[in-house]
């Protein structure tokens, strides 16, 4: 089997909030259809969003079920945190030490999908 392209698709009850959040966070643009939005960054489709009216957010990292999460490696956790919060992220789990040589903080997007801002 030859895979020619990979795309991560988020289920969401609110296509506009979800796709706009990720476009703002990743610096992309959204192509919209009735039940599907595609996020393009630097001319490439990076993420997609499918309308799922009955979507239930995971209660992770301390509950269940974890459905998936993204790790985003950043250069500066403090500025990345500020940017994520400004576009609508929710902080789920704070790192013990932001000055540690490596670490992560856990956030949720508007639909409740978890993601981590990591530094190393």
PDB file of N, CA and C in Angstrom:
ATOM      1  N   UNK A   1       0.838  -1.174   0.000  1.00  0.00           N
ATOM      2  CA  UNK A   1       0.000   0.000   0.000  1.00  0.00           C
ATOM      3  C   UNK A   1       0.886   1.241   0.000  1.00  0.00           C
ATOM      4  N   UNK A   2       0.590   2.157  -0.867  1.00  0.00           N
ATOM      5  CA  UNK A   2       1.305   3.430  -0.934  1.00  0.00           C
ATOM      6  C   UNK A   2       0.371   4.538  -0.476  1.00  0.00           C
ATOM      7  N   UNK A   3       0.729   5.208   0.576  1.00  0.00           N
ATOM      8  CA  UNK A   3      -0.064   6.324   1.079  1.00  0.00           C
ATOM      9  C   UNK A   3       0.505   7.596   0.485  1.00  0.00           C
ATOM     10  N   UNK A   4      -0.323   8.347  -0.199  1.00  0.00           N
ATOM     11  CA  UNK A   4       0.159   9.548  -0.881  1.00  0.00           C
ATOM     12  C   UNK A   4      -0.051  10.815  -0.071  1.00  0.00           C
ATOM     13  N   UNK A   5      -0.909  10.770   0.923  1.00  0.00           N
ATOM     14  CA  UNK A   5      -1.184  11.951   1.725  1.00  0.00           C
ATOM     15  C   UNK A   5      -1.832  11.527   3.023  1.00  0.00           C
ATOM     16  N   UNK A   6      -1.576  12.258   4.081  1.00  0.00           N
ATOM     17  CA  UNK A   6      -2.206  12.001   5.373  1.00  0.00           C
ATOM     18  C   UNK A   6      -2.880  13.278   5.832  1.00  0.00           C
ATOM     19  N   UNK A   7      -4.046  13.129   6.455  1.00  0.00           N
ATOM     20  CA  UNK A   7      -4.752  14.288   6.980  1.00  0.00           C
ATOM     21  C   UNK A   7      -5.407  13.886   8.303  1.00  0.00           C
ATOM     22  N   UNK A   8      -5.291  14.730   9.284  1.00  0.00           N
ATOM     23  CA  UNK A   8      -5.970  14.513  10.553  1.00  0.00           C
ATOM     24  C   UNK A   8      -7.310  15.228  10.467  1.00  0.00           C
ATOM     25  N   UNK A   9      -8.389  14.510  10.809  1.00  0.00           N
ATOM     26  CA  UNK A   9      -9.740  15.056  10.749  1.00  0.00           C
ATOM     27  C   UNK A   9     -10.308  15.111  12.165  1.00  0.00           C
ATOM     28  N   UNK A  10     -10.766  16.297  12.551  1.00  0.00           N
ATOM     29  CA  UNK A  10     -11.412  16.478  13.847  1.00  0.00           C
ATOM     30  C   UNK A  10     -12.924  16.436  13.654  1.00  0.00           C
ATOM     31  N   UNK A  11     -13.604  15.637  14.454  1.00  0.00           N
ATOM     32  CA  UNK A  11     -15.058  15.712  14.517  1.00  0.00           C
ATOM     33  C   UNK A  11     -15.417  16.888  15.412  1.00  0.00           C
ATOM     34  N   UNK A  12     -16.487  17.608  15.057  1.00  0.00           N
ATOM     35  CA  UNK A  12     -16.884  18.761  15.851  1.00  0.00           C
ATOM     36  C   UNK A  12     -18.349  19.090  15.621  1.00  0.00           C
ATOM     37  N   UNK A  13     -18.992  19.581  16.660  1.00  0.00           N
ATOM     38  CA  UNK A  13     -20.381  20.027  16.537  1.00  0.00           C
ATOM     39  C   UNK A  13     -20.443  21.455  16.005  1.00  0.00           C
ATOM     40  N   UNK A  14     -19.326  22.191  16.057  1.00  0.00           N
ATOM     41  CA  UNK A  14     -19.288  23.582  15.606  1.00  0.00           C
ATOM     42  C   UNK A  14     -18.116  23.773  14.643  1.00  0.00           C
ATOM     43  N   UNK A  15     -18.392  23.564  13.364  1.00  0.00           N
ATOM     44  CA  UNK A  15     -17.339  23.643  12.345  1.00  0.00           C
ATOM     45  C   UNK A  15     -16.633  24.995  12.346  1.00  0.00           C
ATOM     46  N   UNK A  16     -17.379  26.063  12.435  1.00  0.00           N
ATOM     47  CA  UNK A  16     -16.781  27.393  12.344  1.00  0.00           C
ATOM     48  C   UNK A  16     -15.835  27.662  13.507  1.00  0.00           C
ATOM     49  N   UNK A  17     -16.259  27.366  14.725  1.00  0.00           N
ATOM     50  CA  UNK A  17     -15.400  27.613  15.893  1.00  0.00           C
ATOM     51  C   UNK A  17     -14.135  26.760  15.839  1.00  0.00           C
ATOM     52  N   UNK A  18     -14.290  25.507  15.482  1.00  0.00           N
ATOM     53  CA  UNK A  18     -13.156  24.575  15.468  1.00  0.00           C
ATOM     54  C   UNK A  18     -12.146  24.932  14.384  1.00  0.00           C
ATOM     55  N   UNK A  19     -12.614  25.115  13.159  1.00  0.00           N
ATOM     56  CA  UNK A  19     -11.681  25.398  12.069  1.00  0.00           C
ATOM     57  C   UNK A  19     -11.049  26.782  12.220  1.00  0.00           C
ATOM     58  N   UNK A  20     -11.805  27.752  12.701  1.00  0.00           N
ATOM     59  CA  UNK A  20     -11.246  29.096  12.910  1.00  0.00           C
ATOM     60  C   UNK A  20     -10.181  29.086  14.001  1.00  0.00           C
ATOM     61  N   UNK A  21     -10.414  28.335  15.068  1.00  0.00           N
ATOM     62  CA  UNK A  21      -9.424  28.222  16.143  1.00  0.00           C
ATOM     63  C   UNK A  21      -8.096  27.718  15.583  1.00  0.00           C
ATOM     64  N   UNK A  22      -8.122  26.603  14.846  1.00  0.00           N
ATOM     65  CA  UNK A  22      -6.883  26.015  14.338  1.00  0.00           C
ATOM     66  C   UNK A  22      -6.250  26.902  13.268  1.00  0.00           C
ATOM     67  N   UNK A  23      -7.051  27.596  12.474  1.00  0.00           N
ATOM     68  CA  UNK A  23      -6.496  28.530  11.486  1.00  0.00           C
ATOM     69  C   UNK A  23      -5.766  29.666  12.186  1.00  0.00           C
ATOM     70  N   UNK A  24      -6.365  30.201  13.242  1.00  0.00           N
ATOM     71  CA  UNK A  24      -5.711  31.271  13.999  1.00  0.00           C
ATOM     72  C   UNK A  24      -4.437  30.781  14.668  1.00  0.00           C
ATOM     73  N   UNK A  25      -4.478  29.597  15.272  1.00  0.00           N
ATOM     74  CA  UNK A  25      -3.327  29.070  15.997  1.00  0.00           C
ATOM     75  C   UNK A  25      -2.171  28.722  15.063  1.00  0.00           C
ATOM     76  N   UNK A  26      -2.476  28.153  13.898  1.00  0.00           N
ATOM     77  CA  UNK A  26      -1.436  27.677  12.986  1.00  0.00           C
ATOM     78  C   UNK A  26      -1.149  28.638  11.833  1.00  0.00           C
ATOM     79  N   UNK A  27      -1.883  29.743  11.768  1.00  0.00           N
ATOM     80  CA  UNK A  27      -1.630  30.729  10.719  1.00  0.00           C
ATOM     81  C   UNK A  27      -2.070  30.284   9.346  1.00  0.00           C
ATOM     82  N   UNK A  28      -3.248  29.694   9.265  1.00  0.00           N
ATOM     83  CA  UNK A  28      -3.724  29.193   7.985  1.00  0.00           C
ATOM     84  C   UNK A  28      -5.031  29.813   7.553  1.00  0.00           C
ATOM     85  N   UNK A  29      -5.573  29.265   6.472  1.00  0.00           N
ATOM     86  CA  UNK A  29      -6.858  29.701   5.950  1.00  0.00           C
ATOM     87  C   UNK A  29      -7.787  28.500   5.853  1.00  0.00           C
ATOM     88  N   UNK A  30      -9.083  28.778   5.916  1.00  0.00           N
ATOM     89  CA  UNK A  30     -10.084  27.711   5.932  1.00  0.00           C
ATOM     90  C   UNK A  30     -10.880  27.714   4.640  1.00  0.00           C
ATOM     91  N   UNK A  31     -11.015  26.540   4.041  1.00  0.00           N
ATOM     92  CA  UNK A  31     -11.906  26.320   2.903  1.00  0.00           C
ATOM     93  C   UNK A  31     -13.151  25.636   3.458  1.00  0.00           C
ATOM     94  N   UNK A  32     -14.330  26.216   3.230  1.00  0.00           N
ATOM     95  CA  UNK A  32     -15.549  25.768   3.893  1.00  0.00           C
ATOM     96  C   UNK A  32     -16.539  25.114   2.930  1.00  0.00           C
ATOM     97  N   UNK A  33     -17.079  23.957   3.332  1.00  0.00           N
ATOM     98  CA  UNK A  33     -18.242  23.330   2.718  1.00  0.00           C
ATOM     99  C   UNK A  33     -19.280  23.185   3.821  1.00  0.00           C
ATOM    100  N   UNK A  34     -20.449  22.692   3.482  1.00  0.00           N
ATOM    101  CA  UNK A  34     -21.527  22.606   4.470  1.00  0.00           C
ATOM    102  C   UNK A  34     -21.174  21.768   5.693  1.00  0.00           C
ATOM    103  N   UNK A  35     -20.564  20.601   5.486  1.00  0.00           N
ATOM    104  CA  UNK A  35     -20.282  19.704   6.607  1.00  0.00           C
ATOM    105  C   UNK A  35     -18.805  19.327   6.716  1.00  0.00           C
ATOM    106  N   UNK A  36     -17.942  20.114   6.066  1.00  0.00           N
ATOM    107  CA  UNK A  36     -16.500  19.809   6.039  1.00  0.00           C
ATOM    108  C   UNK A  36     -15.721  21.105   5.836  1.00  0.00           C
ATOM    109  N   UNK A  37     -14.741  21.338   6.668  1.00  0.00           N
ATOM    110  CA  UNK A  37     -13.826  22.467   6.494  1.00  0.00           C
ATOM    111  C   UNK A  37     -12.413  21.918   6.374  1.00  0.00           C
ATOM    112  N   UNK A  38     -11.604  22.529   5.525  1.00  0.00           N
ATOM    113  CA  UNK A  38     -10.201  22.152   5.350  1.00  0.00           C
ATOM    114  C   UNK A  38      -9.317  23.329   5.726  1.00  0.00           C
ATOM    115  N   UNK A  39      -8.270  23.058   6.495  1.00  0.00           N
ATOM    116  CA  UNK A  39      -7.322  24.088   6.894  1.00  0.00           C
ATOM    117  C   UNK A  39      -6.075  23.969   6.035  1.00  0.00           C
ATOM    118  N   UNK A  40      -5.719  25.078   5.390  1.00  0.00           N
ATOM    119  CA  UNK A  40      -4.524  25.129   4.550  1.00  0.00           C
ATOM    120  C   UNK A  40      -3.500  26.049   5.196  1.00  0.00           C
ATOM    121  N   UNK A  41      -2.273  25.553   5.306  1.00  0.00           N
ATOM    122  CA  UNK A  41      -1.160  26.334   5.832  1.00  0.00           C
ATOM    123  C   UNK A  41      -0.051  26.272   4.788  1.00  0.00           C
ATOM    124  N   UNK A  42       0.423  27.434   4.381  1.00  0.00           N
ATOM    125  CA  UNK A  42       1.465  27.513   3.349  1.00  0.00           C
ATOM    126  C   UNK A  42       1.094  26.719   2.103  1.00  0.00           C
ATOM    127  N   UNK A  43      -0.187  26.781   1.707  1.00  0.00           N
ATOM    128  CA  UNK A  43      -0.639  26.132   0.485  1.00  0.00           C
ATOM    129  C   UNK A  43      -0.912  24.648   0.581  1.00  0.00           C
ATOM    130  N   UNK A  44      -0.722  24.058   1.768  1.00  0.00           N
ATOM    131  CA  UNK A  44      -0.950  22.618   1.936  1.00  0.00           C
ATOM    132  C   UNK A  44      -2.111  22.391   2.901  1.00  0.00           C
ATOM    133  N   UNK A  45      -2.942  21.387   2.598  1.00  0.00           N
ATOM    134  CA  UNK A  45      -4.006  21.015   3.528  1.00  0.00           C
ATOM    135  C   UNK A  45      -3.364  20.300   4.710  1.00  0.00           C
ATOM    136  N   UNK A  46      -3.543  20.859   5.893  1.00  0.00           N
ATOM    137  CA  UNK A  46      -2.910  20.324   7.098  1.00  0.00           C
ATOM    138  C   UNK A  46      -3.887  19.581   8.002  1.00  0.00           C
ATOM    139  N   UNK A  47      -5.112  20.102   8.131  1.00  0.00           N
ATOM    140  CA  UNK A  47      -6.126  19.503   8.992  1.00  0.00           C
ATOM    141  C   UNK A  47      -7.476  19.615   8.303  1.00  0.00           C
ATOM    142  N   UNK A  48      -8.417  18.776   8.736  1.00  0.00           N
ATOM    143  CA  UNK A  48      -9.784  18.880   8.242  1.00  0.00           C
ATOM    144  C   UNK A  48     -10.734  18.731   9.430  1.00  0.00           C
ATOM    145  N   UNK A  49     -11.966  19.188   9.220  1.00  0.00           N
ATOM    146  CA  UNK A  49     -12.967  19.202  10.286  1.00  0.00           C
ATOM    147  C   UNK A  49     -14.288  18.725   9.700  1.00  0.00           C
ATOM    148  N   UNK A  50     -14.860  17.727  10.355  1.00  0.00           N
ATOM    149  CA  UNK A  50     -16.098  17.126   9.870  1.00  0.00           C
ATOM    150  C   UNK A  50     -17.219  17.421  10.857  1.00  0.00           C
ATOM    151  N   UNK A  51     -18.374  17.831  10.342  1.00  0.00           N
ATOM    152  CA  UNK A  51     -19.511  18.106  11.203  1.00  0.00           C
ATOM    153  C   UNK A  51     -19.989  16.811  11.851  1.00  0.00           C
ATOM    154  N   UNK A  52     -20.023  16.816  13.173  1.00  0.00           N
ATOM    155  CA  UNK A  52     -20.507  15.679  13.961  1.00  0.00           C
ATOM    156  C   UNK A  52     -21.391  16.263  15.058  1.00  0.00           C
ATOM    157  N   UNK A  53     -22.684  16.461  14.765  1.00  0.00           N
ATOM    158  CA  UNK A  53     -23.568  17.155  15.702  1.00  0.00           C
ATOM    159  C   UNK A  53     -23.613  16.554  17.102  1.00  0.00           C
ATOM    160  N   UNK A  54     -23.356  15.261  17.238  1.00  0.00           N
ATOM    161  CA  UNK A  54     -23.420  14.600  18.547  1.00  0.00           C
ATOM    162  C   UNK A  54     -22.051  14.425  19.192  1.00  0.00           C
ATOM    163  N   UNK A  55     -21.044  15.157  18.704  1.00  0.00           N
ATOM    164  CA  UNK A  55     -19.692  15.023  19.250  1.00  0.00           C
ATOM    165  C   UNK A  55     -19.675  15.305  20.747  1.00  0.00           C
ATOM    166  N   UNK A  56     -19.006  14.437  21.502  1.00  0.00           N
ATOM    167  CA  UNK A  56     -18.826  14.608  22.943  1.00  0.00           C
ATOM    168  C   UNK A  56     -17.333  14.779  23.202  1.00  0.00           C
ATOM    169  N   UNK A  57     -16.911  15.915  23.779  1.00  0.00           N
ATOM    170  CA  UNK A  57     -15.483  16.128  24.024  1.00  0.00           C
ATOM    171  C   UNK A  57     -14.905  15.100  24.990  1.00  0.00           C
ATOM    172  N   UNK A  58     -13.664  14.695  24.766  1.00  0.00           N
ATOM    173  CA  UNK A  58     -13.005  13.808  25.723  1.00  0.00           C
ATOM    174  C   UNK A  58     -12.731  14.558  27.017  1.00  0.00           C
ATOM    175  N   UNK A  59     -12.594  13.836  28.099  1.00  0.00           N
ATOM    176  CA  UNK A  59     -12.292  14.421  29.409  1.00  0.00           C
ATOM    177  C   UNK A  59     -10.857  14.075  29.789  1.00  0.00           C
ATOM    178  N   UNK A  60      -9.938  14.325  28.902  1.00  0.00           N
ATOM    179  CA  UNK A  60      -8.541  13.955  29.053  1.00  0.00           C
ATOM    180  C   UNK A  60      -7.762  15.191  29.458  1.00  0.00           C
ATOM    181  N   UNK A  61      -6.720  15.180  30.251  1.00  0.00           N
ATOM    182  CA  UNK A  61      -5.870  14.042  30.577  1.00  0.00           C
ATOM    183  C   UNK A  61      -6.273  13.276  31.828  1.00  0.00           C
ATOM    184  N   UNK A  62      -7.266  13.733  32.557  1.00  0.00           N
ATOM    185  CA  UNK A  62      -7.608  13.050  33.803  1.00  0.00           C
ATOM    186  C   UNK A  62      -8.884  12.230  33.716  1.00  0.00           C
ATOM    187  N   UNK A  63      -9.486  12.126  32.554  1.00  0.00           N
ATOM    188  CA  UNK A  63     -10.718  11.347  32.394  1.00  0.00           C
ATOM    189  C   UNK A  63     -10.612  10.490  31.160  1.00  0.00           C
ATOM    190  N   UNK A  64     -11.738  10.157  30.586  1.00  0.00           N
ATOM    191  CA  UNK A  64     -11.720   9.352  29.388  1.00  0.00           C
ATOM    192  C   UNK A  64     -12.796   9.822  28.430  1.00  0.00           C
ATOM    193  N   UNK A  65     -12.852   9.385  27.221  1.00  0.00           N
ATOM    194  CA  UNK A  65     -11.754   8.657  26.585  1.00  0.00           C
ATOM    195  C   UNK A  65     -10.821   9.626  25.873  1.00  0.00           C
ATOM    196  N   UNK A  66      -9.542   9.317  25.851  1.00  0.00           N
ATOM    197  CA  UNK A  66      -8.628  10.085  25.004  1.00  0.00           C
ATOM    198  C   UNK A  66      -8.859   9.588  23.588  1.00  0.00           C
ATOM    199  N   UNK A  67      -9.199  10.488  22.694  1.00  0.00           N
ATOM    200  CA  UNK A  67      -9.468  10.108  21.314  1.00  0.00           C
ATOM    201  C   UNK A  67      -8.235  10.298  20.456  1.00  0.00           C
ATOM    202  N   UNK A  68      -7.542  11.394  20.642  1.00  0.00           N
ATOM    203  CA  UNK A  68      -6.282  11.698  19.975  1.00  0.00           C
ATOM    204  C   UNK A  68      -5.800  12.995  20.567  1.00  0.00           C
ATOM    205  N   UNK A  69      -4.549  13.302  20.369  1.00  0.00           N
ATOM    206  CA  UNK A  69      -4.067  14.637  20.699  1.00  0.00           C
ATOM    207  C   UNK A  69      -2.886  14.974  19.809  1.00  0.00           C
ATOM    208  N   UNK A  70      -2.648  16.270  19.641  1.00  0.00           N
ATOM    209  CA  UNK A  70      -1.532  16.758  18.848  1.00  0.00           C
ATOM    210  C   UNK A  70      -0.461  17.297  19.771  1.00  0.00           C
ATOM    211  N   UNK A  71       0.787  17.041  19.449  1.00  0.00           N
ATOM    212  CA  UNK A  71       1.917  17.678  20.118  1.00  0.00           C
ATOM    213  C   UNK A  71       2.466  18.735  19.166  1.00  0.00           C
ATOM    214  N   UNK A  72       2.467  19.972  19.615  1.00  0.00           N
ATOM    215  CA  UNK A  72       3.023  21.069  18.835  1.00  0.00           C
ATOM    216  C   UNK A  72       4.294  21.526  19.539  1.00  0.00           C
ATOM    217  N   UNK A  73       5.442  21.367  18.884  1.00  0.00           N
ATOM    218  CA  UNK A  73       6.726  21.744  19.466  1.00  0.00           C
ATOM    219  C   UNK A  73       6.925  23.242  19.232  1.00  0.00           C
ATOM    220  N   UNK A  74       7.209  23.975  20.309  1.00  0.00           N
ATOM    221  CA  UNK A  74       7.338  25.434  20.223  1.00  0.00           C
ATOM    222  C   UNK A  74       8.706  25.878  20.721  1.00  0.00           C
ATOM    223  N   UNK A  75       9.127  27.061  20.277  1.00  0.00           N
ATOM    224  CA  UNK A  75      10.399  27.624  20.719  1.00  0.00           C
ATOM    225  C   UNK A  75      10.277  28.321  22.063  1.00  0.00           C
ATOM    226  N   UNK A  76       9.133  28.950  22.304  1.00  0.00           N
ATOM    227  CA  UNK A  76       8.944  29.765  23.502  1.00  0.00           C
ATOM    228  C   UNK A  76       7.573  29.449  24.092  1.00  0.00           C
ATOM    229  N   UNK A  77       7.558  28.663  25.166  1.00  0.00           N
ATOM    230  CA  UNK A  77       6.288  28.211  25.738  1.00  0.00           C
ATOM    231  C   UNK A  77       5.445  29.368  26.245  1.00  0.00           C
ATOM    232  N   UNK A  78       6.058  30.380  26.786  1.00  0.00           N
ATOM    233  CA  UNK A  78       5.268  31.493  27.337  1.00  0.00           C
ATOM    234  C   UNK A  78       4.506  32.240  26.229  1.00  0.00           C
ATOM    235  N   UNK A  79       5.188  32.572  25.144  1.00  0.00           N
ATOM    236  CA  UNK A  79       4.497  33.280  24.064  1.00  0.00           C
ATOM    237  C   UNK A  79       3.513  32.344  23.345  1.00  0.00           C
ATOM    238  N   UNK A  80       3.866  31.066  23.197  1.00  0.00           N
ATOM    239  CA  UNK A  80       2.955  30.104  22.571  1.00  0.00           C
ATOM    240  C   UNK A  80       1.687  29.950  23.420  1.00  0.00           C
ATOM    241  N   UNK A  81       1.855  29.912  24.733  1.00  0.00           N
ATOM    242  CA  UNK A  81       0.705  29.831  25.644  1.00  0.00           C
ATOM    243  C   UNK A  81      -0.208  31.047  25.439  1.00  0.00           C
ATOM    244  N   UNK A  82       0.387  32.230  25.427  1.00  0.00           N
ATOM    245  CA  UNK A  82      -0.398  33.455  25.260  1.00  0.00           C
ATOM    246  C   UNK A  82      -1.162  33.455  23.935  1.00  0.00           C
ATOM    247  N   UNK A  83      -0.504  33.030  22.867  1.00  0.00           N
ATOM    248  CA  UNK A  83      -1.149  32.992  21.563  1.00  0.00           C
ATOM    249  C   UNK A  83      -2.296  31.983  21.533  1.00  0.00           C
ATOM    250  N   UNK A  84      -2.067  30.804  22.106  1.00  0.00           N
ATOM    251  CA  UNK A  84      -3.113  29.780  22.130  1.00  0.00           C
ATOM    252  C   UNK A  84      -4.325  30.257  22.926  1.00  0.00           C
ATOM    253  N   UNK A  85      -4.075  30.862  24.069  1.00  0.00           N
ATOM    254  CA  UNK A  85      -5.175  31.344  24.904  1.00  0.00           C
ATOM    255  C   UNK A  85      -5.935  32.471  24.206  1.00  0.00           C
ATOM    256  N   UNK A  86      -5.221  33.315  23.482  1.00  0.00           N
ATOM    257  CA  UNK A  86      -5.849  34.455  22.802  1.00  0.00           C
ATOM    258  C   UNK A  86      -6.821  34.022  21.711  1.00  0.00           C
ATOM    259  N   UNK A  87      -6.585  32.846  21.110  1.00  0.00           N
ATOM    260  CA  UNK A  87      -7.488  32.389  20.054  1.00  0.00           C
ATOM    261  C   UNK A  87      -8.523  31.391  20.554  1.00  0.00           C
ATOM    262  N   UNK A  88      -8.560  31.145  21.869  1.00  0.00           N
ATOM    263  CA  UNK A  88      -9.649  30.341  22.419  1.00  0.00           C
ATOM    264  C   UNK A  88      -9.292  29.009  23.031  1.00  0.00           C
ATOM    265  N   UNK A  89      -8.005  28.717  23.219  1.00  0.00           N
ATOM    266  CA  UNK A  89      -7.626  27.469  23.878  1.00  0.00           C
ATOM    267  C   UNK A  89      -8.002  27.524  25.360  1.00  0.00           C
ATOM    268  N   UNK A  90      -8.196  26.356  25.939  1.00  0.00           N
ATOM    269  CA  UNK A  90      -8.386  26.223  27.389  1.00  0.00           C
ATOM    270  C   UNK A  90      -7.209  25.435  27.936  1.00  0.00           C
ATOM    271  N   UNK A  91      -6.580  25.927  28.991  1.00  0.00           N
ATOM    272  CA  UNK A  91      -5.478  25.213  29.625  1.00  0.00           C
ATOM    273  C   UNK A  91      -6.057  24.095  30.481  1.00  0.00           C
ATOM    274  N   UNK A  92      -5.643  22.853  30.215  1.00  0.00           N
ATOM    275  CA  UNK A  92      -6.126  21.700  30.974  1.00  0.00           C
ATOM    276  C   UNK A  92      -5.147  21.257  32.052  1.00  0.00           C
ATOM    277  N   UNK A  93      -3.846  21.369  31.746  1.00  0.00           N
ATOM    278  CA  UNK A  93      -2.835  20.920  32.701  1.00  0.00           C
ATOM    279  C   UNK A  93      -1.587  21.760  32.523  1.00  0.00           C
ATOM    280  N   UNK A  94      -1.232  22.474  33.560  1.00  0.00           N
ATOM    281  CA  UNK A  94      -0.076  23.368  33.552  1.00  0.00           C
ATOM    282  C   UNK A  94       1.194  22.566  33.843  1.00  0.00           C
ATOM    283  N   UNK A  95       2.294  22.942  33.209  1.00  0.00           N
ATOM    284  CA  UNK A  95       3.594  22.326  33.486  1.00  0.00           C
ATOM    285  C   UNK A  95       4.071  22.745  34.877  1.00  0.00           C
ATOM    286  N   UNK A  96       4.822  21.882  35.517  1.00  0.00           N
ATOM    287  CA  UNK A  96       5.366  22.209  36.831  1.00  0.00           C
ATOM    288  C   UNK A  96       6.401  23.323  36.757  1.00  0.00           C
ATOM    289  N   UNK A  97       7.208  23.332  35.696  1.00  0.00           N
ATOM    290  CA  UNK A  97       8.315  24.283  35.601  1.00  0.00           C
ATOM    291  C   UNK A  97       8.498  24.730  34.159  1.00  0.00           C
ATOM    292  N   UNK A  98       8.080  25.952  33.849  1.00  0.00           N
ATOM    293  CA  UNK A  98       8.215  26.472  32.488  1.00  0.00           C
ATOM    294  C   UNK A  98       9.672  26.723  32.103  1.00  0.00           C
ATOM    295  N   UNK A  99      10.570  26.744  33.078  1.00  0.00           N
ATOM    296  CA  UNK A  99      11.985  26.965  32.791  1.00  0.00           C
ATOM    297  C   UNK A  99      12.775  25.663  32.670  1.00  0.00           C
ATOM    298  N   UNK A 100      12.100  24.526  32.795  1.00  0.00           N
ATOM    299  CA  UNK A 100      12.771  23.232  32.624  1.00  0.00           C
ATOM    300  C   UNK A 100      13.258  23.126  31.171  1.00  0.00           C
ATOM    301  N   UNK A 101      14.318  22.353  30.928  1.00  0.00           N
ATOM    302  CA  UNK A 101      14.844  22.236  29.559  1.00  0.00           C
ATOM    303  C   UNK A 101      13.834  21.629  28.576  1.00  0.00           C
ATOM    304  N   UNK A 102      12.914  20.815  29.063  1.00  0.00           N
ATOM    305  CA  UNK A 102      11.853  20.289  28.210  1.00  0.00           C
ATOM    306  C   UNK A 102      10.607  20.059  29.044  1.00  0.00           C
ATOM    307  N   UNK A 103       9.484  20.070  28.379  1.00  0.00           N
ATOM    308  CA  UNK A 103       8.221  19.864  29.074  1.00  0.00           C
ATOM    309  C   UNK A 103       7.045  20.079  28.147  1.00  0.00           C
ATOM    310  N   UNK A 104       5.853  20.108  28.744  1.00  0.00           N
ATOM    311  CA  UNK A 104       4.641  20.312  27.952  1.00  0.00           C
ATOM    312  C   UNK A 104       3.523  20.830  28.852  1.00  0.00           C
ATOM    313  N   UNK A 105       2.564  21.471  28.211  1.00  0.00           N
ATOM    314  CA  UNK A 105       1.313  21.858  28.851  1.00  0.00           C
ATOM    315  C   UNK A 105       0.187  21.329  27.981  1.00  0.00           C
ATOM    316  N   UNK A 106      -0.926  20.932  28.601  1.00  0.00           N
ATOM    317  CA  UNK A 106      -2.053  20.350  27.889  1.00  0.00           C
ATOM    318  C   UNK A 106      -3.173  21.380  27.787  1.00  0.00           C
ATOM    319  N   UNK A 107      -3.726  21.503  26.578  1.00  0.00           N
ATOM    320  CA  UNK A 107      -4.793  22.450  26.277  1.00  0.00           C
ATOM    321  C   UNK A 107      -5.942  21.729  25.584  1.00  0.00           C
ATOM    322  N   UNK A 108      -7.054  22.431  25.433  1.00  0.00           N
ATOM    323  CA  UNK A 108      -8.163  21.930  24.620  1.00  0.00           C
ATOM    324  C   UNK A 108      -8.549  23.009  23.623  1.00  0.00           C
ATOM    325  N   UNK A 109      -8.940  22.574  22.430  1.00  0.00           N
ATOM    326  CA  UNK A 109      -9.472  23.502  21.442  1.00  0.00           C
ATOM    327  C   UNK A 109     -10.959  23.725  21.747  1.00  0.00           C
ATOM    328  N   UNK A 110     -11.676  24.544  20.966  1.00  0.00           N
ATOM    329  CA  UNK A 110     -13.066  24.841  21.289  1.00  0.00           C
ATOM    330  C   UNK A 110     -13.998  23.629  21.346  1.00  0.00           C
ATOM    331  N   UNK A 111     -13.696  22.561  20.604  1.00  0.00           N
ATOM    332  CA  UNK A 111     -14.532  21.358  20.650  1.00  0.00           C
ATOM    333  C   UNK A 111     -14.094  20.400  21.746  1.00  0.00           C
ATOM    334  N   UNK A 112     -13.047  20.755  22.497  1.00  0.00           N
ATOM    335  CA  UNK A 112     -12.576  19.906  23.584  1.00  0.00           C
ATOM    336  C   UNK A 112     -11.474  18.947  23.213  1.00  0.00           C
ATOM    337  N   UNK A 113     -10.993  18.979  21.955  1.00  0.00           N
ATOM    338  CA  UNK A 113      -9.895  18.101  21.555  1.00  0.00           C
ATOM    339  C   UNK A 113      -8.610  18.563  22.240  1.00  0.00           C
ATOM    340  N   UNK A 114      -7.907  17.646  22.903  1.00  0.00           N
ATOM    341  CA  UNK A 114      -6.683  18.039  23.597  1.00  0.00           C
ATOM    342  C   UNK A 114      -5.492  18.174  22.654  1.00  0.00           C
ATOM    343  N   UNK A 115      -4.595  19.086  23.021  1.00  0.00           N
ATOM    344  CA  UNK A 115      -3.316  19.207  22.326  1.00  0.00           C
ATOM    345  C   UNK A 115      -2.292  19.704  23.332  1.00  0.00           C
ATOM    346  N   UNK A 116      -1.032  19.430  23.053  1.00  0.00           N
ATOM    347  CA  UNK A 116       0.051  19.837  23.948  1.00  0.00           C
ATOM    348  C   UNK A 116       0.951  20.834  23.252  1.00  0.00           C
ATOM    349  N   UNK A 117       1.347  21.847  23.978  1.00  0.00           N
ATOM    350  CA  UNK A 117       2.436  22.706  23.560  1.00  0.00           C
ATOM    351  C   UNK A 117       3.673  22.192  24.287  1.00  0.00           C
ATOM    352  N   UNK A 118       4.646  21.742  23.507  1.00  0.00           N
ATOM    353  CA  UNK A 118       5.839  21.082  24.051  1.00  0.00           C
ATOM    354  C   UNK A 118       7.073  21.913  23.730  1.00  0.00           C
ATOM    355  N   UNK A 119       8.063  21.814  24.583  1.00  0.00           N
ATOM    356  CA  UNK A 119       9.355  22.450  24.300  1.00  0.00           C
ATOM    357  C   UNK A 119      10.445  21.479  24.684  1.00  0.00           C
ATOM    358  N   UNK A 120      11.590  21.592  23.976  1.00  0.00           N
ATOM    359  CA  UNK A 120      12.716  20.695  24.247  1.00  0.00           C
ATOM    360  C   UNK A 120      14.027  21.383  23.971  1.00  0.00           C
TER     361      UNK A 120
END
